């Protein structure tokens, strides 16, 4: 042991496990060592090698200053020998060793990055924890989990909330593959956004091509889910997550012709849909919430139970050639990779590469948008094609019910002109979006 050979007593051990001196990540124990030197608690430093102390010129200069502030604190290493930081030649040696260590780290980083890119382009896995839906090798499909992923994708495409999907996953007994944590909306979102579910390889946040493992869901379904979950207009605030009423933010006030009705309980009374009206004016519509929702739900269930309800699932637009769209998307992603390589090899200038990249990116965005529009699952799927749509409706969560409402109709609540007991259907106008 080096301390024994030198006849020194080890006063304290400072260790930052798994924190590289090169990465720039703060090292709490290293800072504590500098403070101990300044405080005079330690009078010498032992290390395995100089590059275990610092690989940054700035860090080295700080270390030299601390070791020479009115004292001479020697540094000994097990593999590189002693450093005499009190002399110009010793400091020159320390700086030279630091420069060499920096070069080696940067060169090693380039090799590691190049190898990672090569693996990614070949579609191979880069390691890490077992991904949900796959076996430990990350390639073979684990069918119970894969089936859960498919169900979750279909549910989100049909309008279900992430919270409801999380409840279904938790009820299935399956846990996340990361330390077997329980499911919540954030975990479900992270799972469904993974390109690997569609058999795609990602590198530095970008999809760069097909992977070596099989897809769990079709690429177009995955892209449709990504479009939904990354939509900036998607309602994600805590208050929106607690929506409990069918028409909140969907029912239209006849007075201002906006979907402005929200449920409130003034004075802890009966829950009512209320329109706040414009600034400086009184609200336009107030309606008891329970009877109105019950009436609208009855209209919806009746429409979904008709013999011709399956017609609601037929797309209005002409059939899209998905094979051609997929081919365009794949070829365009390959083109983007080619542009990057040509820029790196000097075959394109930065300006030329930027123009080519802009055009290719726009072409890819158009293809992906068309795929998403053509493959998005209707919220009505699984209801109108069920033997008993009314029973299915009774089991839906509020998020799915609201999605069905928004797909089928626009509900406009009119002012009451003839006050009377009970609910008056004439105070509601329903305009079908699909007939």
Foldseek 3Di string as FASTA:
>chain_A
DVCVVVVHDDQDDQDQPPDALQPPPDRVSLVVVLVCLQVVVDQEEEEQDLRRNHLDPVSLVSVLCSCPVVHHYWYAHNPPGTARSVDPVSSVVSVVVSPVSNVVVVVVVVVVLVVVVVCLLAQHDPDDFAAFQADRRVAHGPPVRLVLLVVLLLCVLLFAALQVSLVVCVVVVAAGSVVRDRGGSVVNLVNLQDCVLQQFGDDPRHTQAGHNHHHSDHPLSSLLSVCQSPPPPDDDDPVVVPDDAQQQQFAAEPVVRGSQWDWDQVPVHATWTWHCDDPPDRTRDIGRRPVVRVVVVVVLQVCLADPCNVVLQDDPDPADDLVVLVVLLRVLSNVLVVLVVCCVVVVDPPVRSVVSNVVSVVSNVVSSVVSSVNPRGHNCPPQSPDPRNVVVVVPGHSRSSSSSDNQFWGKYAAHDPDDDDDDDPVRIDIDTPTD
